Amino acid sequence: MAFLLNNTSLGSHLRSSSQKTDGAFAQSRRGFHVELGPREKDLLAENDALRRFKSHKKGVRQLKRVGDVLTLVVLAGCGYEIYARATMQKED
């Protein structure tokens, strides 16, 4: 295990992070809040050209529910087939 930690990037990352925290003024890992610039604000703004590609929460929720129901139906069918074949073999 020590051999793997010495030769991998994970080991070097762990060693470097432990050395960084030795200082009295060590920064937290979370960092500081930085205000968004104009480019980021433009990218996050609502765009009418892309509105038709936006997934709607109600439609997505309904589609997931339909998928869940179909999955349960298929599992029930498979379970029934296994049960039916097992009981048919016992009768023969």
PDB file of N, CA and C in Angstrom:
ATOM      1  N   MET A   1       0.831  -1.190   0.000  1.00  0.00           N
ATOM      2  CA  MET A   1       0.000   0.000   0.000  1.00  0.00           C
ATOM      3  C   MET A   1       0.870   1.245   0.000  1.00  0.00           C
ATOM      4  N   ALA A   2       1.932   1.232   0.774  1.00  0.00           N
ATOM      5  CA  ALA A   2       2.827   2.386   0.813  1.00  0.00           C
ATOM      6  C   ALA A   2       3.490   2.587  -0.545  1.00  0.00           C
ATOM      7  N   PHE A   3       3.782   1.489  -1.236  1.00  0.00           N
ATOM      8  CA  PHE A   3       4.373   1.592  -2.560  1.00  0.00           C
ATOM      9  C   PHE A   3       3.432   2.299  -3.525  1.00  0.00           C
ATOM     10  N   LEU A   4       2.133   1.972  -3.460  1.00  0.00           N
ATOM     11  CA  LEU A   4       1.171   2.608  -4.347  1.00  0.00           C
ATOM     12  C   LEU A   4       1.033   4.089  -4.040  1.00  0.00           C
ATOM     13  N   LEU A   5       1.026   4.447  -2.766  1.00  0.00           N
ATOM     14  CA  LEU A   5       0.889   5.855  -2.405  1.00  0.00           C
ATOM     15  C   LEU A   5       2.113   6.668  -2.807  1.00  0.00           C
ATOM     16  N   ASN A   6       3.283   6.046  -2.815  1.00  0.00           N
ATOM     17  CA  ASN A   6       4.495   6.772  -3.187  1.00  0.00           C
ATOM     18  C   ASN A   6       4.556   7.047  -4.683  1.00  0.00           C
ATOM     19  N   ASN A   7       3.959   6.187  -5.512  1.00  0.00           N
ATOM     20  CA  ASN A   7       4.120   6.293  -6.952  1.00  0.00           C
ATOM     21  C   ASN A   7       2.894   6.820  -7.687  1.00  0.00           C
ATOM     22  N   THR A   8       1.853   7.196  -7.014  1.00  0.00           N
ATOM     23  CA  THR A   8       0.665   7.663  -7.710  1.00  0.00           C
ATOM     24  C   THR A   8       0.453   9.142  -7.472  1.00  0.00           C
ATOM     25  N   SER A   9      -0.377   9.713  -8.316  1.00  0.00           N
ATOM     26  CA  SER A   9      -0.700  11.127  -8.152  1.00  0.00           C
ATOM     27  C   SER A   9      -1.518  11.341  -6.887  1.00  0.00           C
ATOM     28  N   LEU A  10      -2.281  10.319  -6.474  1.00  0.00           N
ATOM     29  CA  LEU A  10      -3.050  10.420  -5.244  1.00  0.00           C
ATOM     30  C   LEU A  10      -2.116  10.578  -4.050  1.00  0.00           C
ATOM     31  N   GLY A  11      -1.057   9.799  -4.042  1.00  0.00           N
ATOM     32  CA  GLY A  11      -0.096   9.907  -2.946  1.00  0.00           C
ATOM     33  C   GLY A  11       0.579  11.260  -2.920  1.00  0.00           C
ATOM     34  N   SER A  12       0.944  11.780  -4.082  1.00  0.00           N
ATOM     35  CA  SER A  12       1.590  13.099  -4.118  1.00  0.00           C
ATOM     36  C   SER A  12       0.607  14.186  -3.711  1.00  0.00           C
ATOM     37  N   HIS A  13      -0.664  14.026  -4.079  1.00  0.00           N
ATOM     38  CA  HIS A  13      -1.676  15.003  -3.676  1.00  0.00           C
ATOM     39  C   HIS A  13      -1.871  14.993  -2.167  1.00  0.00           C
ATOM     40  N   LEU A  14      -1.923  13.793  -1.585  1.00  0.00           N
ATOM     41  CA  LEU A  14      -2.098  13.693  -0.143  1.00  0.00           C
ATOM     42  C   LEU A  14      -0.901  14.281   0.606  1.00  0.00           C
ATOM     43  N   ARG A  15       0.302  14.013   0.103  1.00  0.00           N
ATOM     44  CA  ARG A  15       1.488  14.561   0.745  1.00  0.00           C
ATOM     45  C   ARG A  15       1.524  16.076   0.631  1.00  0.00           C
ATOM     46  N   SER A  16       1.189  16.605  -0.556  1.00  0.00           N
ATOM     47  CA  SER A  16       1.248  18.055  -0.744  1.00  0.00           C
ATOM     48  C   SER A  16       0.172  18.759   0.063  1.00  0.00           C
ATOM     49  N   SER A  17      -1.022  18.162   0.186  1.00  0.00           N
ATOM     50  CA  SER A  17      -2.079  18.811   0.959  1.00  0.00           C
ATOM     51  C   SER A  17      -1.752  18.793   2.441  1.00  0.00           C
ATOM     52  N   SER A  18      -1.071  17.748   2.918  1.00  0.00           N
ATOM     53  CA  SER A  18      -0.716  17.714   4.330  1.00  0.00           C
ATOM     54  C   SER A  18       0.404  18.714   4.624  1.00  0.00           C
ATOM     55  N   GLN A  19       1.262  18.977   3.660  1.00  0.00           N
ATOM     56  CA  GLN A  19       2.329  19.959   3.863  1.00  0.00           C
ATOM     57  C   GLN A  19       1.805  21.376   3.800  1.00  0.00           C
ATOM     58  N   LYS A  20       0.756  21.627   3.036  1.00  0.00           N
ATOM     59  CA  LYS A  20       0.211  22.966   2.900  1.00  0.00           C
ATOM     60  C   LYS A  20      -0.458  23.436   4.183  1.00  0.00           C
ATOM     61  N   THR A  21      -1.025  22.528   4.942  1.00  0.00           N
ATOM     62  CA  THR A  21      -1.767  22.922   6.132  1.00  0.00           C
ATOM     63  C   THR A  21      -0.863  23.156   7.327  1.00  0.00           C
ATOM     64  N   ASP A  22       0.451  23.000   7.163  1.00  0.00           N
ATOM     65  CA  ASP A  22       1.364  23.200   8.284  1.00  0.00           C
ATOM     66  C   ASP A  22       1.492  24.662   8.669  1.00  0.00           C
ATOM     67  N   GLY A  23       1.288  25.574   7.730  1.00  0.00           N
ATOM     68  CA  GLY A  23       1.483  26.993   8.002  1.00  0.00           C
ATOM     69  C   GLY A  23       0.413  27.555   8.921  1.00  0.00           C
ATOM     70  N   ALA A  24       0.754  28.661   9.603  1.00  0.00           N
ATOM     71  CA  ALA A  24      -0.182  29.288  10.532  1.00  0.00           C
ATOM     72  C   ALA A  24      -1.329  29.960   9.787  1.00  0.00           C
ATOM     73  N   PHE A  25      -1.092  30.406   8.557  1.00  0.00           N
ATOM     74  CA  PHE A  25      -2.102  31.109   7.769  1.00  0.00           C
ATOM     75  C   PHE A  25      -2.662  30.231   6.665  1.00  0.00           C
ATOM     76  N   ALA A  26      -2.826  28.961   6.941  1.00  0.00           N
ATOM     77  CA  ALA A  26      -3.337  28.030   5.932  1.00  0.00           C
ATOM     78  C   ALA A  26      -4.772  28.393   5.576  1.00  0.00           C
ATOM     79  N   GLN A  27      -5.060  28.471   4.289  1.00  0.00           N
ATOM     80  CA  GLN A  27      -6.404  28.805   3.830  1.00  0.00           C
ATOM     81  C   GLN A  27      -7.294  27.576   3.916  1.00  0.00           C
ATOM     82  N   SER A  28      -8.564  27.819   4.077  1.00  0.00           N
ATOM     83  CA  SER A  28      -9.500  26.693   4.094  1.00  0.00           C
ATOM     84  C   SER A  28      -9.634  26.143   2.682  1.00  0.00           C
ATOM     85  N   ARG A  29     -10.093  24.907   2.566  1.00  0.00           N
ATOM     86  CA  ARG A  29     -10.234  24.277   1.257  1.00  0.00           C
ATOM     87  C   ARG A  29     -11.392  24.868   0.478  1.00  0.00           C
ATOM     88  N   ARG A  30     -12.322  25.496   1.168  1.00  0.00           N
ATOM     89  CA  ARG A  30     -13.529  25.989   0.521  1.00  0.00           C
ATOM     90  C   ARG A  30     -13.258  27.220  -0.334  1.00  0.00           C
ATOM     91  N   GLY A  31     -12.354  28.055   0.031  1.00  0.00           N
ATOM     92  CA  GLY A  31     -12.061  29.256  -0.735  1.00  0.00           C
ATOM     93  C   GLY A  31     -12.998  30.385  -0.414  1.00  0.00           C
ATOM     94  N   PHE A  32     -12.915  31.466  -1.174  1.00  0.00           N
ATOM     95  CA  PHE A  32     -13.705  32.654  -0.931  1.00  0.00           C
ATOM     96  C   PHE A  32     -14.742  32.829  -2.032  1.00  0.00           C
ATOM     97  N   HIS A  33     -15.845  33.502  -1.686  1.00  0.00           N
ATOM     98  CA  HIS A  33     -16.878  33.776  -2.667  1.00  0.00           C
ATOM     99  C   HIS A  33     -16.402  34.878  -3.606  1.00  0.00           C
ATOM    100  N   VAL A  34     -16.571  34.646  -4.892  1.00  0.00           N
ATOM    101  CA  VAL A  34     -16.191  35.627  -5.897  1.00  0.00           C
ATOM    102  C   VAL A  34     -17.445  35.995  -6.680  1.00  0.00           C
ATOM    103  N   GLU A  35     -17.670  37.275  -6.853  1.00  0.00           N
ATOM    104  CA  GLU A  35     -18.851  37.749  -7.587  1.00  0.00           C
ATOM    105  C   GLU A  35     -18.733  37.344  -9.057  1.00  0.00           C
ATOM    106  N   LEU A  36     -19.863  36.960  -9.652  1.00  0.00           N
ATOM    107  CA  LEU A  36     -19.874  36.555 -11.058  1.00  0.00           C
ATOM    108  C   LEU A  36     -19.570  37.745 -11.951  1.00  0.00           C
ATOM    109  N   GLY A  37     -18.834  37.483 -13.012  1.00  0.00           N
ATOM    110  CA  GLY A  37     -18.523  38.523 -13.978  1.00  0.00           C
ATOM    111  C   GLY A  37     -19.643  38.668 -14.994  1.00  0.00           C
ATOM    112  N   PRO A  38     -19.524  39.615 -15.899  1.00  0.00           N
ATOM    113  CA  PRO A  38     -20.589  39.824 -16.891  1.00  0.00           C
ATOM    114  C   PRO A  38     -20.776  38.632 -17.829  1.00  0.00           C
ATOM    115  N   ARG A  39     -19.707  37.941 -18.164  1.00  0.00           N
ATOM    116  CA  ARG A  39     -19.814  36.788 -19.062  1.00  0.00           C
ATOM    117  C   ARG A  39     -20.587  35.658 -18.385  1.00  0.00           C
ATOM    118  N   GLU A  40     -20.281  35.387 -17.122  1.00  0.00           N
ATOM    119  CA  GLU A  40     -20.982  34.344 -16.396  1.00  0.00           C
ATOM    120  C   GLU A  40     -22.454  34.687 -16.221  1.00  0.00           C
ATOM    121  N   LYS A  41     -22.740  35.954 -15.954  1.00  0.00           N
ATOM    122  CA  LYS A  41     -24.132  36.369 -15.809  1.00  0.00           C
ATOM    123  C   LYS A  41     -24.896  36.208 -17.114  1.00  0.00           C
ATOM    124  N   ASP A  42     -24.245  36.517 -18.240  1.00  0.00           N
ATOM    125  CA  ASP A  42     -24.887  36.331 -19.543  1.00  0.00           C
ATOM    126  C   ASP A  42     -25.150  34.854 -19.834  1.00  0.00           C
ATOM    127  N   LEU A  43     -24.212  33.997 -19.437  1.00  0.00           N
ATOM    128  CA  LEU A  43     -24.389  32.565 -19.680  1.00  0.00           C
ATOM    129  C   LEU A  43     -25.511  31.976 -18.827  1.00  0.00           C
ATOM    130  N   LEU A  44     -25.704  32.521 -17.639  1.00  0.00           N
ATOM    131  CA  LEU A  44     -26.746  32.013 -16.754  1.00  0.00           C
ATOM    132  C   LEU A  44     -28.113  32.646 -16.992  1.00  0.00           C
ATOM    133  N   ALA A  45     -28.167  33.696 -17.810  1.00  0.00           N
ATOM    134  CA  ALA A  45     -29.426  34.391 -18.067  1.00  0.00           C
ATOM    135  C   ALA A  45     -30.347  33.533 -18.930  1.00  0.00           C
ATOM    136  N   GLU A  46     -31.655  33.804 -18.839  1.00  0.00           N
ATOM    137  CA  GLU A  46     -32.659  33.096 -19.629  1.00  0.00           C
ATOM    138  C   GLU A  46     -32.468  33.426 -21.105  1.00  0.00           C
ATOM    139  N   ASN A  47     -32.519  32.411 -21.966  1.00  0.00           N
ATOM    140  CA  ASN A  47     -32.334  32.607 -23.392  1.00  0.00           C
ATOM    141  C   ASN A  47     -33.563  32.059 -24.112  1.00  0.00           C
ATOM    142  N   ASP A  48     -34.254  32.922 -24.860  1.00  0.00           N
ATOM    143  CA  ASP A  48     -35.484  32.507 -25.544  1.00  0.00           C
ATOM    144  C   ASP A  48     -35.218  31.476 -26.642  1.00  0.00           C
ATOM    145  N   ALA A  49     -34.055  31.536 -27.283  1.00  0.00           N
ATOM    146  CA  ALA A  49     -33.748  30.595 -28.352  1.00  0.00           C
ATOM    147  C   ALA A  49     -33.577  29.174 -27.812  1.00  0.00           C
ATOM    148  N   LEU A  50     -33.169  29.037 -26.553  1.00  0.00           N
ATOM    149  CA  LEU A  50     -32.944  27.717 -25.972  1.00  0.00           C
ATOM    150  C   LEU A  50     -34.121  27.227 -25.140  1.00  0.00           C
ATOM    151  N   ARG A  51     -35.181  27.990 -25.055  1.00  0.00           N
ATOM    152  CA  ARG A  51     -36.304  27.639 -24.196  1.00  0.00           C
ATOM    153  C   ARG A  51     -36.949  26.314 -24.598  1.00  0.00           C
ATOM    154  N   ARG A  52     -37.042  26.022 -25.890  1.00  0.00           N
ATOM    155  CA  ARG A  52     -37.716  24.786 -26.311  1.00  0.00           C
ATOM    156  C   ARG A  52     -36.904  23.540 -25.970  1.00  0.00           C
ATOM    157  N   PHE A  53     -35.607  23.689 -25.679  1.00  0.00           N
ATOM    158  CA  PHE A  53     -34.776  22.544 -25.317  1.00  0.00           C
ATOM    159  C   PHE A  53     -34.741  22.314 -23.811  1.00  0.00           C
ATOM    160  N   LYS A  54     -35.310  23.225 -23.039  1.00  0.00           N
ATOM    161  CA  LYS A  54     -35.286  23.114 -21.592  1.00  0.00           C
ATOM    162  C   LYS A  54     -36.216  21.986 -21.149  1.00  0.00           C
ATOM    163  N   SER A  55     -35.725  21.140 -20.262  1.00  0.00           N
ATOM    164  CA  SER A  55     -36.587  20.062 -19.780  1.00  0.00           C
ATOM    165  C   SER A  55     -37.540  20.635 -18.739  1.00  0.00           C
ATOM    166  N   HIS A  56     -38.761  20.225 -18.831  1.00  0.00           N
ATOM    167  CA  HIS A  56     -39.781  20.695 -17.909  1.00  0.00           C
ATOM    168  C   HIS A  56     -39.902  19.696 -16.769  1.00  0.00           C
ATOM    169  N   LYS A  57     -39.935  20.194 -15.564  1.00  0.00           N
ATOM    170  CA  LYS A  57     -39.913  19.316 -14.400  1.00  0.00           C
ATOM    171  C   LYS A  57     -41.117  18.384 -14.359  1.00  0.00           C
ATOM    172  N   LYS A  58     -42.286  18.882 -14.699  1.00  0.00           N
ATOM    173  CA  LYS A  58     -43.487  18.053 -14.639  1.00  0.00           C
ATOM    174  C   LYS A  58     -43.408  16.919 -15.666  1.00  0.00           C
ATOM    175  N   GLY A  59     -42.961  17.243 -16.869  1.00  0.00           N
ATOM    176  CA  GLY A  59     -42.847  16.224 -17.906  1.00  0.00           C
ATOM    177  C   GLY A  59     -41.789  15.191 -17.571  1.00  0.00           C
ATOM    178  N   VAL A  60     -40.679  15.629 -17.012  1.00  0.00           N
ATOM    179  CA  VAL A  60     -39.607  14.703 -16.645  1.00  0.00           C
ATOM    180  C   VAL A  60     -40.068  13.789 -15.519  1.00  0.00           C
ATOM    181  N   ARG A  61     -40.779  14.347 -14.545  1.00  0.00           N
ATOM    182  CA  ARG A  61     -41.286  13.551 -13.426  1.00  0.00           C
ATOM    183  C   ARG A  61     -42.280  12.503 -13.922  1.00  0.00           C
ATOM    184  N   GLN A  62     -43.132  12.895 -14.862  1.00  0.00           N
ATOM    185  CA  GLN A  62     -44.124  11.964 -15.390  1.00  0.00           C
ATOM    186  C   GLN A  62     -43.445  10.852 -16.197  1.00  0.00           C
ATOM    187  N   LEU A  63     -42.439  11.201 -16.963  1.00  0.00           N
ATOM    188  CA  LEU A  63     -41.712  10.204 -17.746  1.00  0.00           C
ATOM    189  C   LEU A  63     -40.982   9.215 -16.839  1.00  0.00           C
ATOM    190  N   LYS A  64     -40.407   9.719 -15.746  1.00  0.00           N
ATOM    191  CA  LYS A  64     -39.742   8.827 -14.799  1.00  0.00           C
ATOM    192  C   LYS A  64     -40.740   7.881 -14.155  1.00  0.00           C
ATOM    193  N   ARG A  65     -41.930   8.376 -13.842  1.00  0.00           N
ATOM    194  CA  ARG A  65     -42.951   7.529 -13.233  1.00  0.00           C
ATOM    195  C   ARG A  65     -43.383   6.438 -14.205  1.00  0.00           C
ATOM    196  N   VAL A  66     -43.556   6.780 -15.479  1.00  0.00           N
ATOM    197  CA  VAL A  66     -43.926   5.784 -16.486  1.00  0.00           C
ATOM    198  C   VAL A  66     -42.824   4.733 -16.600  1.00  0.00           C
ATOM    199  N   GLY A  67     -41.582   5.159 -16.587  1.00  0.00           N
ATOM    200  CA  GLY A  67     -40.465   4.217 -16.639  1.00  0.00           C
ATOM    201  C   GLY A  67     -40.429   3.303 -15.433  1.00  0.00           C
ATOM    202  N   ASP A  68     -40.724   3.850 -14.251  1.00  0.00           N
ATOM    203  CA  ASP A  68     -40.757   3.027 -13.042  1.00  0.00           C
ATOM    204  C   ASP A  68     -41.873   1.986 -13.116  1.00  0.00           C
ATOM    205  N   VAL A  69     -43.043   2.388 -13.613  1.00  0.00           N
ATOM    206  CA  VAL A  69     -44.162   1.455 -13.730  1.00  0.00           C
ATOM    207  C   VAL A  69     -43.825   0.359 -14.724  1.00  0.00           C
ATOM    208  N   LEU A  70     -43.238   0.716 -15.855  1.00  0.00           N
ATOM    209  CA  LEU A  70     -42.862  -0.300 -16.843  1.00  0.00           C
ATOM    210  C   LEU A  70     -41.824  -1.264 -16.280  1.00  0.00           C
ATOM    211  N   THR A  71     -40.898  -0.750 -15.504  1.00  0.00           N
ATOM    212  CA  THR A  71     -39.896  -1.615 -14.877  1.00  0.00           C
ATOM    213  C   THR A  71     -40.552  -2.609 -13.933  1.00  0.00           C
ATOM    214  N   LEU A  72     -41.512  -2.131 -13.131  1.00  0.00           N
ATOM    215  CA  LEU A  72     -42.210  -3.032 -12.212  1.00  0.00           C
ATOM    216  C   LEU A  72     -43.013  -4.084 -12.961  1.00  0.00           C
ATOM    217  N   VAL A  73     -43.642  -3.699 -14.071  1.00  0.00           N
ATOM    218  CA  VAL A  73     -44.415  -4.649 -14.864  1.00  0.00           C
ATOM    219  C   VAL A  73     -43.502  -5.732 -15.442  1.00  0.00           C
ATOM    220  N   VAL A  74     -42.357  -5.338 -15.946  1.00  0.00           N
ATOM    221  CA  VAL A  74     -41.415  -6.311 -16.516  1.00  0.00           C
ATOM    222  C   VAL A  74     -40.892  -7.240 -15.425  1.00  0.00           C
ATOM    223  N   LEU A  75     -40.555  -6.690 -14.257  1.00  0.00           N
ATOM    224  CA  LEU A  75     -40.077  -7.535 -13.164  1.00  0.00           C
ATOM    225  C   LEU A  75     -41.153  -8.501 -12.693  1.00  0.00           C
ATOM    226  N   ALA A  76     -42.399  -8.042 -12.608  1.00  0.00           N
ATOM    227  CA  ALA A  76     -43.488  -8.921 -12.208  1.00  0.00           C
ATOM    228  C   ALA A  76     -43.686 -10.023 -13.243  1.00  0.00           C
ATOM    229  N   GLY A  77     -43.588  -9.678 -14.512  1.00  0.00           N
ATOM    230  CA  GLY A  77     -43.719 -10.688 -15.567  1.00  0.00           C
ATOM    231  C   GLY A  77     -42.611 -11.719 -15.507  1.00  0.00           C
ATOM    232  N   CYS A  78     -41.403 -11.275 -15.270  1.00  0.00           N
ATOM    233  CA  CYS A  78     -40.279 -12.213 -15.161  1.00  0.00           C
ATOM    234  C   CYS A  78     -40.453 -13.123 -13.950  1.00  0.00           C
ATOM    235  N   GLY A  79     -40.897 -12.536 -12.836  1.00  0.00           N
ATOM    236  CA  GLY A  79     -41.138 -13.343 -11.643  1.00  0.00           C
ATOM    237  C   GLY A  79     -42.224 -14.383 -11.874  1.00  0.00           C
ATOM    238  N   TYR A  80     -43.269 -13.988 -12.553  1.00  0.00           N
ATOM    239  CA  TYR A  80     -44.357 -14.927 -12.858  1.00  0.00           C
ATOM    240  C   TYR A  80     -43.876 -16.058 -13.771  1.00  0.00           C
ATOM    241  N   GLU A  81     -43.072 -15.719 -14.776  1.00  0.00           N
ATOM    242  CA  GLU A  81     -42.550 -16.742 -15.684  1.00  0.00           C
ATOM    243  C   GLU A  81     -41.674 -17.739 -14.933  1.00  0.00           C
ATOM    244  N   ILE A  82     -40.838 -17.253 -14.040  1.00  0.00           N
ATOM    245  CA  ILE A  82     -39.982 -18.147 -13.258  1.00  0.00           C
ATOM    246  C   ILE A  82     -40.844 -19.053 -12.384  1.00  0.00           C
ATOM    247  N   TYR A  83     -41.847 -18.482 -11.745  1.00  0.00           N
ATOM    248  CA  TYR A  83     -42.757 -19.260 -10.896  1.00  0.00           C
ATOM    249  C   TYR A  83     -43.517 -20.298 -11.726  1.00  0.00           C
ATOM    250  N   ALA A  84     -44.019 -19.882 -12.888  1.00  0.00           N
ATOM    251  CA  ALA A  84     -44.800 -20.796 -13.732  1.00  0.00           C
ATOM    252  C   ALA A  84     -43.934 -21.946 -14.224  1.00  0.00           C
ATOM    253  N   ARG A  85     -42.718 -21.676 -14.634  1.00  0.00           N
ATOM    254  CA  ARG A  85     -41.840 -22.753 -15.119  1.00  0.00           C
ATOM    255  C   ARG A  85     -41.421 -23.684 -13.994  1.00  0.00           C
ATOM    256  N   ALA A  86     -41.233 -23.135 -12.803  1.00  0.00           N
ATOM    257  CA  ALA A  86     -40.849 -23.980 -11.667  1.00  0.00           C
ATOM    258  C   ALA A  86     -41.991 -24.907 -11.279  1.00  0.00           C
ATOM    259  N   THR A  87     -43.228 -24.397 -11.294  1.00  0.00           N
ATOM    260  CA  THR A  87     -44.368 -25.252 -10.939  1.00  0.00           C
ATOM    261  C   THR A  87     -44.655 -26.263 -12.045  1.00  0.00           C
ATOM    262  N   MET A  88     -44.410 -25.919 -13.302  1.00  0.00           N
ATOM    263  CA  MET A  88     -44.624 -26.868 -14.408  1.00  0.00           C
ATOM    264  C   MET A  88     -43.626 -28.022 -14.312  1.00  0.00           C
ATOM    265  N   GLN A  89     -42.393 -27.746 -13.913  1.00  0.00           N
ATOM    266  CA  GLN A  89     -41.396 -28.817 -13.792  1.00  0.00           C
ATOM    267  C   GLN A  89     -41.738 -29.746 -12.645  1.00  0.00           C
ATOM    268  N   LYS A  90     -42.350 -29.223 -11.580  1.00  0.00           N
ATOM    269  CA  LYS A  90     -42.726 -30.075 -10.448  1.00  0.00           C
ATOM    270  C   LYS A  90     -43.851 -31.013 -10.830  1.00  0.00           C
ATOM    271  N   GLU A  91     -44.761 -30.590 -11.715  1.00  0.00           N
ATOM    272  CA  GLU A  91     -45.898 -31.420 -12.119  1.00  0.00           C
ATOM    273  C   GLU A  91     -45.461 -32.559 -13.032  1.00  0.00           C
ATOM    274  N   ASP A  92     -44.389 -32.352 -13.805  1.00  0.00           N
ATOM    275  CA  ASP A  92     -43.928 -33.395 -14.743  1.00  0.00           C
ATOM    276  C   ASP A  92     -43.175 -34.439 -14.022  1.00  0.00           C
TER     277      ASP A  92
END
